[in-house]
Amino acid sequence: MNTDELIKTLGADVKTTAMPLGRMWLVVLAFAAVAAAAVFFMTIGMRPDFMQAMQTIRFLFKFVFTITLAITAFLALRMLAMPGAPAGRYGRWLLVAPFLMAAAVVLELFAMPSSDWGKRLVGNNMMICLSFIPLIGLVPLAALLVALKQAAPTRPALSGAVAGLLAGALAATFYAAHCTDDSPLFVATWYSLAIAALGGIGALAGRFFLRW
């Protein structure tokens, strides 16, 4: 049996168990979110002025960015989990969150005087952001990798990287409730770096853990 026939056979097997796999992904996603919430509330928790911050656009936009990334990463990961599945369309959807963030950064640069750009970029929580987003996302990433292992991804490193992006997006969603730096300049830089770090960890883990 050649590689193409093997992929078709595995794909047929996946289709026959689409409902169980679908339920599995929902359970894993729920577990990942609960695990992220548990680490978040046991460590840093929400900012004191959370309710007041909810009334500002900058604060709310952080969640638009992270939740959009989480949704698109989840859709792409579901496709990558199936052998030979065309993940390209969902991969392109991963560009939506960065596009939204880029638009927000442009608006921020126009709205704020250039003398404030550096201060808003650095913020007050740079190291906390770079530390806690990966910390909050490690257990969700592990759960997603275990779920991928039960499927049949033919691109293990890419699948692991997308799992890392999803874990990072979930972690960043919780972390955003703590962070007092709401500027798109800060979020675009430090949130993205922290999420990318989990993506790199996921790619490396996927390369070895998800190999057939």
N, C-alpha and C. Protein backbone atom coordinates (compact mmCIF):
# COMPACT_ATOMS: atom_id res chain seq x y z
N MET A 1 0.85 -1.20 0.00
CA MET A 1 0.00 0.00 0.00
C MET A 1 0.89 1.25 0.00
N ASN A 2 0.66 2.16 -1.00
CA ASN A 2 1.48 3.36 -1.03
C ASN A 2 0.93 4.42 -0.07
N THR A 3 1.66 5.54 -0.01
CA THR A 3 1.28 6.58 0.96
C THR A 3 -0.10 7.16 0.70
N ASP A 4 -0.42 7.41 -0.59
CA ASP A 4 -1.73 7.98 -0.92
C ASP A 4 -2.86 7.05 -0.50
N GLU A 5 -2.69 5.75 -0.74
CA GLU A 5 -3.73 4.80 -0.35
C GLU A 5 -3.88 4.74 1.17
N LEU A 6 -2.73 4.83 1.87
CA LEU A 6 -2.78 4.80 3.33
C LEU A 6 -3.54 6.01 3.87
N ILE A 7 -3.26 7.18 3.30
CA ILE A 7 -3.94 8.39 3.75
C ILE A 7 -5.43 8.30 3.48
N LYS A 8 -5.82 7.77 2.30
CA LYS A 8 -7.24 7.63 1.99
C LYS A 8 -7.92 6.66 2.95
N THR A 9 -7.22 5.58 3.29
CA THR A 9 -7.79 4.60 4.21
C THR A 9 -8.00 5.20 5.60
N LEU A 10 -6.98 5.94 6.07
CA LEU A 10 -7.10 6.58 7.37
C LEU A 10 -8.19 7.64 7.37
N GLY A 11 -8.30 8.37 6.26
CA GLY A 11 -9.33 9.37 6.14
C GLY A 11 -10.71 8.76 6.20
N ALA A 12 -10.87 7.59 5.57
CA ALA A 12 -12.16 6.91 5.61
C ALA A 12 -12.48 6.47 7.03
N ASP A 13 -11.45 6.01 7.76
CA ASP A 13 -11.67 5.60 9.15
C ASP A 13 -12.11 6.77 10.00
N VAL A 14 -11.49 7.93 9.77
CA VAL A 14 -11.86 9.12 10.54
C VAL A 14 -13.29 9.51 10.28
N LYS A 15 -13.72 9.44 9.00
CA LYS A 15 -15.09 9.82 8.65
C LYS A 15 -16.11 8.92 9.32
N THR A 16 -15.79 7.62 9.46
CA THR A 16 -16.74 6.71 10.06
C THR A 16 -16.91 6.97 11.55
N THR A 17 -15.93 7.68 12.15
CA THR A 17 -16.03 7.98 13.58
C THR A 17 -16.07 9.48 13.82
N ALA A 18 -16.71 10.20 12.85
CA ALA A 18 -16.70 11.66 12.92
C ALA A 18 -17.37 12.18 14.19
N MET A 19 -18.50 11.57 14.58
CA MET A 19 -19.19 12.06 15.77
C MET A 19 -18.37 11.86 17.04
N PRO A 20 -17.82 10.64 17.27
CA PRO A 20 -16.98 10.49 18.46
C PRO A 20 -15.80 11.45 18.48
N LEU A 21 -15.15 11.65 17.33
CA LEU A 21 -14.03 12.58 17.27
C LEU A 21 -14.50 14.00 17.54
N GLY A 22 -15.68 14.33 17.00
CA GLY A 22 -16.22 15.66 17.24
C GLY A 22 -16.47 15.90 18.72
N ARG A 23 -17.04 14.92 19.38
CA ARG A 23 -17.28 15.05 20.82
C ARG A 23 -15.96 15.11 21.59
N MET A 24 -14.99 14.31 21.12
CA MET A 24 -13.70 14.32 21.78
C MET A 24 -13.07 15.71 21.76
N TRP A 25 -13.14 16.38 20.61
CA TRP A 25 -12.53 17.70 20.49
C TRP A 25 -13.24 18.71 21.38
N LEU A 26 -14.56 18.60 21.49
CA LEU A 26 -15.29 19.51 22.36
C LEU A 26 -14.92 19.28 23.83
N VAL A 27 -14.77 18.01 24.21
CA VAL A 27 -14.38 17.69 25.58
C VAL A 27 -12.97 18.21 25.85
N VAL A 28 -12.07 17.99 24.91
CA VAL A 28 -10.68 18.45 25.09
C VAL A 28 -10.63 19.97 25.17
N LEU A 29 -11.39 20.65 24.32
CA LEU A 29 -11.41 22.10 24.35
C LEU A 29 -11.96 22.60 25.69
N ALA A 30 -13.02 21.97 26.18
CA ALA A 30 -13.58 22.36 27.48
C ALA A 30 -12.56 22.12 28.59
N PHE A 31 -11.88 20.98 28.54
CA PHE A 31 -10.86 20.69 29.55
C PHE A 31 -9.73 21.72 29.49
N ALA A 32 -9.30 22.07 28.28
CA ALA A 32 -8.22 23.04 28.11
C ALA A 32 -8.61 24.39 28.71
N ALA A 33 -9.87 24.81 28.46
CA ALA A 33 -10.33 26.08 28.99
C ALA A 33 -10.41 26.05 30.52
N VAL A 34 -10.91 24.95 31.07
CA VAL A 34 -11.01 24.83 32.53
C VAL A 34 -9.62 24.80 33.16
N ALA A 35 -8.69 24.09 32.53
CA ALA A 35 -7.32 24.03 33.05
C ALA A 35 -6.68 25.40 33.03
N ALA A 36 -6.88 26.14 31.94
CA ALA A 36 -6.33 27.49 31.85
C ALA A 36 -6.94 28.39 32.93
N ALA A 37 -8.24 28.26 33.13
CA ALA A 37 -8.92 29.06 34.15
C ALA A 37 -8.40 28.73 35.54
N ALA A 38 -8.17 27.44 35.79
CA ALA A 38 -7.69 27.03 37.11
C ALA A 38 -6.32 27.63 37.42
N VAL A 39 -5.41 27.53 36.46
CA VAL A 39 -4.07 28.10 36.67
C VAL A 39 -4.16 29.62 36.83
N PHE A 40 -5.00 30.25 36.02
CA PHE A 40 -5.15 31.71 36.08
C PHE A 40 -5.63 32.17 37.45
N PHE A 41 -6.70 31.55 37.95
CA PHE A 41 -7.28 32.02 39.20
C PHE A 41 -6.43 31.60 40.41
N MET A 42 -5.64 30.54 40.26
CA MET A 42 -4.78 30.13 41.37
C MET A 42 -3.49 30.95 41.43
N THR A 43 -3.21 31.70 40.37
CA THR A 43 -1.96 32.45 40.35
C THR A 43 -2.20 33.97 40.40
N ILE A 44 -2.69 34.55 39.32
CA ILE A 44 -2.76 36.01 39.27
C ILE A 44 -4.18 36.57 39.40
N GLY A 45 -5.17 35.91 38.84
CA GLY A 45 -6.55 36.38 38.97
C GLY A 45 -6.84 37.65 38.18
N MET A 46 -8.05 38.14 38.31
CA MET A 46 -8.49 39.30 37.53
C MET A 46 -7.98 40.60 38.13
N ARG A 47 -7.88 41.61 37.29
CA ARG A 47 -7.45 42.93 37.75
C ARG A 47 -8.51 43.54 38.67
N PRO A 48 -8.13 44.38 39.61
CA PRO A 48 -9.10 44.93 40.58
C PRO A 48 -10.21 45.75 39.94
N ASP A 49 -9.88 46.44 38.83
CA ASP A 49 -10.87 47.32 38.20
C ASP A 49 -11.52 46.66 36.99
N PHE A 50 -11.72 45.34 37.06
CA PHE A 50 -12.21 44.59 35.91
C PHE A 50 -13.53 45.15 35.39
N MET A 51 -14.48 45.44 36.25
CA MET A 51 -15.80 45.90 35.81
C MET A 51 -15.72 47.27 35.14
N GLN A 52 -14.87 48.14 35.66
CA GLN A 52 -14.70 49.45 35.03
C GLN A 52 -14.00 49.32 33.67
N ALA A 53 -13.00 48.42 33.63
CA ALA A 53 -12.28 48.21 32.38
C ALA A 53 -13.18 47.67 31.29
N MET A 54 -14.20 46.90 31.68
CA MET A 54 -15.14 46.33 30.71
C MET A 54 -15.85 47.41 29.90
N GLN A 55 -15.82 48.63 30.36
CA GLN A 55 -16.51 49.71 29.66
C GLN A 55 -15.62 50.42 28.64
N THR A 56 -14.38 49.96 28.49
CA THR A 56 -13.46 50.60 27.55
C THR A 56 -13.23 49.72 26.33
N ILE A 57 -13.09 50.34 25.18
CA ILE A 57 -12.93 49.60 23.93
C ILE A 57 -11.61 48.86 23.89
N ARG A 58 -10.54 49.50 24.36
CA ARG A 58 -9.22 48.86 24.30
C ARG A 58 -9.21 47.55 25.09
N PHE A 59 -9.81 47.57 26.27
CA PHE A 59 -9.85 46.36 27.09
C PHE A 59 -10.64 45.26 26.40
N LEU A 60 -11.81 45.60 25.89
CA LEU A 60 -12.66 44.60 25.23
C LEU A 60 -12.01 44.06 23.96
N PHE A 61 -11.24 44.91 23.27
CA PHE A 61 -10.65 44.46 22.02
C PHE A 61 -9.62 43.36 22.26
N LYS A 62 -9.00 43.34 23.42
CA LYS A 62 -8.05 42.26 23.72
C LYS A 62 -8.74 40.91 23.59
N PHE A 63 -9.98 40.83 24.05
CA PHE A 63 -10.72 39.58 23.99
C PHE A 63 -11.18 39.27 22.56
N VAL A 64 -11.49 40.31 21.80
CA VAL A 64 -11.82 40.10 20.38
C VAL A 64 -10.65 39.43 19.67
N PHE A 65 -9.45 39.92 19.94
CA PHE A 65 -8.25 39.37 19.31
C PHE A 65 -8.01 37.92 19.76
N THR A 66 -7.99 37.68 21.07
CA THR A 66 -7.64 36.34 21.55
C THR A 66 -8.70 35.30 21.22
N ILE A 67 -9.97 35.68 21.34
CA ILE A 67 -11.04 34.71 21.05
C ILE A 67 -11.11 34.42 19.56
N THR A 68 -10.91 35.42 18.72
CA THR A 68 -10.87 35.18 17.27
C THR A 68 -9.75 34.22 16.92
N LEU A 69 -8.58 34.43 17.52
CA LEU A 69 -7.46 33.53 17.26
C LEU A 69 -7.77 32.12 17.76
N ALA A 70 -8.40 32.00 18.92
CA ALA A 70 -8.74 30.68 19.45
C ALA A 70 -9.71 29.94 18.54
N ILE A 71 -10.73 30.63 18.05
CA ILE A 71 -11.72 29.99 17.18
C ILE A 71 -11.09 29.52 15.88
N THR A 72 -10.33 30.39 15.24
CA THR A 72 -9.73 30.03 13.96
C THR A 72 -8.67 28.94 14.13
N ALA A 73 -7.91 28.98 15.22
CA ALA A 73 -6.92 27.93 15.48
C ALA A 73 -7.60 26.59 15.73
N PHE A 74 -8.73 26.62 16.44
CA PHE A 74 -9.45 25.37 16.70
C PHE A 74 -9.96 24.75 15.40
N LEU A 75 -10.52 25.58 14.51
CA LEU A 75 -11.00 25.06 13.23
C LEU A 75 -9.86 24.48 12.40
N ALA A 76 -8.72 25.18 12.38
CA ALA A 76 -7.58 24.68 11.62
C ALA A 76 -7.05 23.39 12.23
N LEU A 77 -7.03 23.30 13.56
CA LEU A 77 -6.52 22.11 14.21
C LEU A 77 -7.41 20.90 13.94
N ARG A 78 -8.72 21.12 13.94
CA ARG A 78 -9.64 20.02 13.63
C ARG A 78 -9.36 19.45 12.25
N MET A 79 -9.07 20.31 11.29
CA MET A 79 -8.78 19.84 9.94
C MET A 79 -7.42 19.14 9.87
N LEU A 80 -6.44 19.69 10.54
CA LEU A 80 -5.11 19.09 10.53
C LEU A 80 -5.10 17.71 11.19
N ALA A 81 -6.04 17.47 12.08
CA ALA A 81 -6.10 16.19 12.78
C ALA A 81 -6.53 15.06 11.86
N MET A 82 -7.12 15.38 10.71
CA MET A 82 -7.59 14.36 9.78
C MET A 82 -6.56 14.18 8.67
N PRO A 83 -6.16 12.96 8.39
CA PRO A 83 -5.12 12.72 7.37
C PRO A 83 -5.57 13.16 5.99
N GLY A 84 -4.74 13.96 5.35
CA GLY A 84 -5.03 14.39 3.99
C GLY A 84 -6.09 15.44 3.88
N ALA A 85 -6.62 15.96 5.01
CA ALA A 85 -7.68 16.96 4.95
C ALA A 85 -7.12 18.29 4.47
N PRO A 86 -7.87 19.01 3.62
CA PRO A 86 -7.40 20.31 3.13
C PRO A 86 -7.53 21.39 4.19
N ALA A 87 -6.44 21.66 4.90
CA ALA A 87 -6.49 22.64 5.99
C ALA A 87 -6.19 24.05 5.51
N GLY A 88 -5.92 24.22 4.23
CA GLY A 88 -5.51 25.52 3.72
C GLY A 88 -6.53 26.62 3.97
N ARG A 89 -7.81 26.31 3.72
CA ARG A 89 -8.85 27.32 3.89
C ARG A 89 -8.92 27.79 5.34
N TYR A 90 -8.85 26.85 6.27
CA TYR A 90 -8.88 27.22 7.67
C TYR A 90 -7.58 27.87 8.10
N GLY A 91 -6.47 27.47 7.46
CA GLY A 91 -5.20 28.12 7.75
C GLY A 91 -5.24 29.59 7.40
N ARG A 92 -5.91 29.93 6.31
CA ARG A 92 -6.03 31.35 5.93
C ARG A 92 -6.86 32.13 6.93
N TRP A 93 -7.83 31.46 7.56
CA TRP A 93 -8.62 32.14 8.57
C TRP A 93 -7.78 32.55 9.78
N LEU A 94 -6.64 31.89 9.97
CA LEU A 94 -5.75 32.26 11.06
C LEU A 94 -5.20 33.68 10.90
N LEU A 95 -5.32 34.23 9.71
CA LEU A 95 -4.84 35.59 9.46
C LEU A 95 -5.83 36.65 9.95
N VAL A 96 -7.05 36.23 10.28
CA VAL A 96 -8.08 37.20 10.67
C VAL A 96 -7.67 37.94 11.94
N ALA A 97 -7.26 37.21 12.97
CA ALA A 97 -6.89 37.86 14.24
C ALA A 97 -5.71 38.82 14.07
N PRO A 98 -4.61 38.41 13.39
CA PRO A 98 -3.53 39.37 13.16
C PRO A 98 -3.96 40.59 12.35
N PHE A 99 -4.87 40.39 11.41
CA PHE A 99 -5.36 41.52 10.62
C PHE A 99 -6.13 42.50 11.51
N LEU A 100 -6.98 41.99 12.36
CA LEU A 100 -7.72 42.85 13.28
C LEU A 100 -6.77 43.60 14.20
N MET A 101 -5.75 42.91 14.69
CA MET A 101 -4.79 43.56 15.57
C MET A 101 -3.99 44.62 14.83
N ALA A 102 -3.60 44.33 13.60
CA ALA A 102 -2.86 45.32 12.81
C ALA A 102 -3.69 46.58 12.60
N ALA A 103 -4.98 46.41 12.33
CA ALA A 103 -5.87 47.57 12.16
C ALA A 103 -5.96 48.37 13.45
N ALA A 104 -6.04 47.67 14.59
CA ALA A 104 -6.12 48.36 15.87
C ALA A 104 -4.83 49.13 16.17
N VAL A 105 -3.69 48.55 15.81
CA VAL A 105 -2.42 49.24 16.03
C VAL A 105 -2.34 50.51 15.19
N VAL A 106 -2.78 50.43 13.95
CA VAL A 106 -2.77 51.61 13.08
C VAL A 106 -3.64 52.71 13.68
N LEU A 107 -4.83 52.35 14.14
CA LEU A 107 -5.72 53.33 14.77
C LEU A 107 -5.09 53.93 16.02
N GLU A 108 -4.41 53.08 16.80
CA GLU A 108 -3.74 53.57 18.01
C GLU A 108 -2.64 54.57 17.66
N LEU A 109 -1.88 54.29 16.62
CA LEU A 109 -0.80 55.20 16.23
C LEU A 109 -1.35 56.54 15.77
N PHE A 110 -2.49 56.51 15.11
CA PHE A 110 -3.11 57.77 14.69
C PHE A 110 -3.72 58.54 15.87
N ALA A 111 -4.25 57.80 16.84
CA ALA A 111 -4.97 58.44 17.94
C ALA A 111 -4.03 59.00 19.01
N MET A 112 -2.87 58.36 19.19
CA MET A 112 -1.95 58.76 20.25
C MET A 112 -0.78 59.57 19.69
N PRO A 113 -0.28 60.56 20.44
CA PRO A 113 0.91 61.28 20.00
C PRO A 113 2.12 60.35 19.96
N SER A 114 3.02 60.60 19.05
CA SER A 114 4.17 59.71 18.88
C SER A 114 5.03 59.63 20.14
N SER A 115 4.97 60.64 20.98
CA SER A 115 5.76 60.61 22.22
C SER A 115 5.26 59.54 23.19
N ASP A 116 4.02 59.07 23.00
CA ASP A 116 3.46 58.04 23.89
C ASP A 116 3.63 56.63 23.34
N TRP A 117 4.09 56.50 22.11
CA TRP A 117 4.15 55.17 21.49
C TRP A 117 5.04 54.22 22.27
N GLY A 118 6.23 54.68 22.63
CA GLY A 118 7.16 53.81 23.33
C GLY A 118 6.63 53.35 24.68
N LYS A 119 6.01 54.27 25.42
CA LYS A 119 5.46 53.94 26.73
C LYS A 119 4.34 52.91 26.61
N ARG A 120 3.49 53.08 25.63
CA ARG A 120 2.39 52.12 25.45
C ARG A 120 2.89 50.77 24.95
N LEU A 121 3.95 50.78 24.18
CA LEU A 121 4.51 49.53 23.68
C LEU A 121 5.12 48.71 24.82
N VAL A 122 5.90 49.35 25.67
CA VAL A 122 6.57 48.64 26.76
C VAL A 122 5.59 48.30 27.87
N GLY A 123 4.71 49.23 28.24
CA GLY A 123 3.71 48.98 29.26
C GLY A 123 4.31 48.75 30.63
N ASN A 124 3.54 48.12 31.50
CA ASN A 124 3.97 47.85 32.87
C ASN A 124 4.06 46.36 33.20
N ASN A 125 3.60 45.53 32.28
CA ASN A 125 3.48 44.10 32.59
C ASN A 125 4.15 43.21 31.56
N MET A 126 5.19 43.71 30.92
CA MET A 126 5.82 42.96 29.84
C MET A 126 6.29 41.58 30.29
N MET A 127 7.05 41.51 31.37
CA MET A 127 7.59 40.23 31.82
C MET A 127 6.51 39.32 32.38
N ILE A 128 5.51 39.91 33.03
CA ILE A 128 4.39 39.09 33.53
C ILE A 128 3.66 38.45 32.35
N CYS A 129 3.44 39.22 31.31
CA CYS A 129 2.77 38.71 30.12
C CYS A 129 3.56 37.57 29.50
N LEU A 130 4.87 37.77 29.31
CA LEU A 130 5.71 36.77 28.68
C LEU A 130 5.85 35.51 29.53
N SER A 131 5.64 35.65 30.84
CA SER A 131 5.76 34.50 31.74
C SER A 131 4.45 33.74 31.90
N PHE A 132 3.35 34.49 32.10
CA PHE A 132 2.12 33.83 32.52
C PHE A 132 1.29 33.28 31.35
N ILE A 133 1.37 33.88 30.19
CA ILE A 133 0.62 33.29 29.07
C ILE A 133 1.15 31.89 28.76
N PRO A 134 2.47 31.68 28.62
CA PRO A 134 2.95 30.30 28.44
C PRO A 134 2.62 29.40 29.62
N LEU A 135 2.74 29.92 30.85
CA LEU A 135 2.44 29.10 32.02
C LEU A 135 0.99 28.64 32.02
N ILE A 136 0.07 29.56 31.76
CA ILE A 136 -1.35 29.22 31.75
C ILE A 136 -1.67 28.26 30.60
N GLY A 137 -0.92 28.35 29.51
CA GLY A 137 -1.22 27.55 28.33
C GLY A 137 -0.57 26.18 28.26
N LEU A 138 0.31 25.84 29.20
CA LEU A 138 1.04 24.57 29.09
C LEU A 138 0.13 23.35 29.22
N VAL A 139 -0.75 23.34 30.21
CA VAL A 139 -1.65 22.19 30.37
C VAL A 139 -2.62 22.09 29.20
N PRO A 140 -3.25 23.20 28.75
CA PRO A 140 -4.08 23.10 27.55
C PRO A 140 -3.31 22.57 26.34
N LEU A 141 -2.07 22.98 26.16
CA LEU A 141 -1.28 22.48 25.04
C LEU A 141 -1.06 20.98 25.16
N ALA A 142 -0.73 20.51 26.35
CA ALA A 142 -0.54 19.08 26.55
C ALA A 142 -1.81 18.29 26.22
N ALA A 143 -2.97 18.82 26.64
CA ALA A 143 -4.24 18.14 26.36
C ALA A 143 -4.51 18.09 24.86
N LEU A 144 -4.23 19.18 24.17
CA LEU A 144 -4.46 19.22 22.72
C LEU A 144 -3.52 18.26 21.99
N LEU A 145 -2.29 18.14 22.44
CA LEU A 145 -1.35 17.22 21.81
C LEU A 145 -1.78 15.77 22.03
N VAL A 146 -2.29 15.47 23.22
CA VAL A 146 -2.80 14.12 23.47
C VAL A 146 -3.98 13.81 22.56
N ALA A 147 -4.85 14.80 22.36
CA ALA A 147 -5.99 14.61 21.46
C ALA A 147 -5.52 14.38 20.03
N LEU A 148 -4.52 15.14 19.61
CA LEU A 148 -3.97 14.95 18.27
C LEU A 148 -3.38 13.55 18.11
N LYS A 149 -2.77 13.05 19.16
CA LYS A 149 -2.19 11.72 19.11
C LYS A 149 -3.25 10.66 18.85
N GLN A 150 -4.49 10.91 19.30
CA GLN A 150 -5.58 9.97 19.06
C GLN A 150 -6.13 10.07 17.64
N ALA A 151 -5.80 11.15 16.96
CA ALA A 151 -6.23 11.33 15.56
C ALA A 151 -5.12 10.83 14.65
N ALA A 152 -5.02 11.41 13.46
CA ALA A 152 -4.00 10.94 12.52
C ALA A 152 -3.44 12.10 11.72
N PRO A 153 -2.82 13.09 12.37
CA PRO A 153 -2.26 14.22 11.62
C PRO A 153 -1.07 13.79 10.78
N THR A 154 -1.08 14.22 9.53
CA THR A 154 0.04 13.88 8.64
C THR A 154 1.12 14.96 8.63
N ARG A 155 0.86 16.07 9.30
CA ARG A 155 1.85 17.15 9.43
C ARG A 155 2.04 17.45 10.91
N PRO A 156 2.83 16.62 11.58
CA PRO A 156 2.92 16.69 13.04
C PRO A 156 3.45 18.02 13.58
N ALA A 157 4.48 18.57 12.96
CA ALA A 157 5.04 19.83 13.47
C ALA A 157 4.03 20.97 13.29
N LEU A 158 3.40 21.04 12.12
CA LEU A 158 2.40 22.08 11.88
C LEU A 158 1.21 21.91 12.81
N SER A 159 0.76 20.67 13.00
CA SER A 159 -0.36 20.43 13.90
C SER A 159 -0.02 20.84 15.32
N GLY A 160 1.19 20.52 15.75
CA GLY A 160 1.63 20.92 17.09
C GLY A 160 1.70 22.43 17.23
N ALA A 161 2.16 23.10 16.16
CA ALA A 161 2.25 24.57 16.20
C ALA A 161 0.88 25.20 16.34
N VAL A 162 -0.10 24.69 15.59
CA VAL A 162 -1.46 25.24 15.67
C VAL A 162 -2.07 24.93 17.03
N ALA A 163 -1.76 23.75 17.57
CA ALA A 163 -2.22 23.44 18.93
C ALA A 163 -1.64 24.45 19.92
N GLY A 164 -0.38 24.83 19.71
CA GLY A 164 0.24 25.84 20.56
C GLY A 164 -0.43 27.20 20.43
N LEU A 165 -0.80 27.55 19.20
CA LEU A 165 -1.52 28.82 19.00
C LEU A 165 -2.87 28.81 19.71
N LEU A 166 -3.57 27.68 19.63
CA LEU A 166 -4.86 27.58 20.31
C LEU A 166 -4.67 27.66 21.82
N ALA A 167 -3.70 26.93 22.35
CA ALA A 167 -3.44 26.98 23.79
C ALA A 167 -3.03 28.39 24.21
N GLY A 168 -2.21 29.03 23.38
CA GLY A 168 -1.79 30.40 23.69
C GLY A 168 -2.94 31.38 23.65
N ALA A 169 -3.85 31.21 22.70
CA ALA A 169 -5.01 32.09 22.60
C ALA A 169 -5.92 31.93 23.81
N LEU A 170 -6.12 30.68 24.24
CA LEU A 170 -6.93 30.44 25.44
C LEU A 170 -6.27 31.08 26.66
N ALA A 171 -4.96 30.87 26.79
CA ALA A 171 -4.24 31.44 27.92
C ALA A 171 -4.28 32.96 27.89
N ALA A 172 -4.10 33.54 26.72
CA ALA A 172 -4.11 35.00 26.60
C ALA A 172 -5.48 35.58 26.89
N THR A 173 -6.54 34.84 26.59
CA THR A 173 -7.89 35.30 26.90
C THR A 173 -8.07 35.48 28.40
N PHE A 174 -7.58 34.51 29.17
CA PHE A 174 -7.66 34.64 30.62
C PHE A 174 -6.70 35.71 31.13
N TYR A 175 -5.48 35.70 30.60
CA TYR A 175 -4.50 36.67 31.07
C TYR A 175 -4.98 38.10 30.82
N ALA A 176 -5.71 38.32 29.72
CA ALA A 176 -6.19 39.66 29.39
C ALA A 176 -7.07 40.24 30.49
N ALA A 177 -7.72 39.37 31.26
CA ALA A 177 -8.57 39.84 32.36
C ALA A 177 -7.75 40.34 33.53
N HIS A 178 -6.47 40.01 33.55
CA HIS A 178 -5.57 40.47 34.61
C HIS A 178 -4.76 41.68 34.18
N CYS A 179 -4.36 41.71 32.94
CA CYS A 179 -3.41 42.70 32.45
C CYS A 179 -4.02 44.11 32.43
N THR A 180 -3.27 45.06 32.95
CA THR A 180 -3.73 46.45 32.95
C THR A 180 -3.19 47.23 31.75
N ASP A 181 -2.41 46.58 30.91
CA ASP A 181 -1.92 47.21 29.68
C ASP A 181 -2.89 46.86 28.56
N ASP A 182 -3.69 47.82 28.15
CA ASP A 182 -4.74 47.58 27.17
C ASP A 182 -4.41 48.11 25.77
N SER A 183 -3.28 48.75 25.61
CA SER A 183 -2.93 49.32 24.32
C SER A 183 -2.72 48.24 23.27
N PRO A 184 -3.29 48.40 22.07
CA PRO A 184 -3.02 47.45 21.00
C PRO A 184 -1.53 47.29 20.69
N LEU A 185 -0.74 48.33 20.91
CA LEU A 185 0.70 48.22 20.71
C LEU A 185 1.30 47.18 21.66
N PHE A 186 0.87 47.20 22.90
CA PHE A 186 1.36 46.23 23.89
C PHE A 186 0.87 44.83 23.54
N VAL A 187 -0.41 44.71 23.26
CA VAL A 187 -1.00 43.40 22.98
C VAL A 187 -0.38 42.80 21.73
N ALA A 188 -0.25 43.59 20.68
CA ALA A 188 0.30 43.08 19.42
C ALA A 188 1.72 42.57 19.60
N THR A 189 2.47 43.19 20.49
CA THR A 189 3.87 42.80 20.67
C THR A 189 4.02 41.65 21.65
N TRP A 190 3.60 41.86 22.89
CA TRP A 190 3.94 40.92 23.95
C TRP A 190 2.98 39.73 24.02
N TYR A 191 1.70 39.96 23.79
CA TYR A 191 0.79 38.83 23.72
C TYR A 191 1.19 37.92 22.56
N SER A 192 1.49 38.53 21.42
CA SER A 192 1.84 37.74 20.24
C SER A 192 3.11 36.93 20.46
N LEU A 193 4.11 37.53 21.10
CA LEU A 193 5.35 36.80 21.39
C LEU A 193 5.10 35.63 22.34
N ALA A 194 4.28 35.85 23.36
CA ALA A 194 3.98 34.79 24.31
C ALA A 194 3.21 33.65 23.65
N ILE A 195 2.24 34.01 22.81
CA ILE A 195 1.48 32.99 22.09
C ILE A 195 2.38 32.25 21.10
N ALA A 196 3.25 32.99 20.42
CA ALA A 196 4.18 32.36 19.48
C ALA A 196 5.12 31.39 20.18
N ALA A 197 5.49 31.71 21.42
CA ALA A 197 6.35 30.80 22.18
C ALA A 197 5.67 29.45 22.38
N LEU A 198 4.38 29.48 22.71
CA LEU A 198 3.63 28.23 22.84
C LEU A 198 3.51 27.53 21.49
N GLY A 199 3.36 28.31 20.42
CA GLY A 199 3.33 27.71 19.10
C GLY A 199 4.64 26.99 18.79
N GLY A 200 5.77 27.60 19.18
CA GLY A 200 7.06 26.95 18.96
C GLY A 200 7.21 25.69 19.78
N ILE A 201 6.76 25.74 21.05
CA ILE A 201 6.81 24.55 21.89
C ILE A 201 5.94 23.44 21.29
N GLY A 202 4.76 23.84 20.80
CA GLY A 202 3.86 22.86 20.20
C GLY A 202 4.45 22.24 18.94
N ALA A 203 5.11 23.04 18.12
CA ALA A 203 5.73 22.52 16.89
C ALA A 203 6.82 21.52 17.23
N LEU A 204 7.64 21.85 18.21
CA LEU A 204 8.73 20.94 18.61
C LEU A 204 8.17 19.66 19.21
N ALA A 205 7.18 19.80 20.09
CA ALA A 205 6.58 18.61 20.69
C ALA A 205 5.87 17.76 19.64
N GLY A 206 5.18 18.42 18.72
CA GLY A 206 4.48 17.69 17.68
C GLY A 206 5.41 16.92 16.78
N ARG A 207 6.56 17.49 16.51
CA ARG A 207 7.53 16.83 15.62
C ARG A 207 7.94 15.47 16.15
N PHE A 208 8.04 15.33 17.47
CA PHE A 208 8.48 14.07 18.06
C PHE A 208 7.32 13.24 18.61
N PHE A 209 6.35 13.92 19.23
CA PHE A 209 5.27 13.19 19.90
C PHE A 209 4.21 12.69 18.92
N LEU A 210 4.01 13.41 17.82
CA LEU A 210 2.93 13.06 16.90
C LEU A 210 3.40 12.28 15.67
N ARG A 211 4.66 11.92 15.64
CA ARG A 211 5.16 11.16 14.50
C ARG A 211 4.51 9.76 14.47
N TRP A 212 4.26 9.28 13.28
CA TRP A 212 3.67 7.94 13.14
C TRP A 212 4.74 6.91 13.38
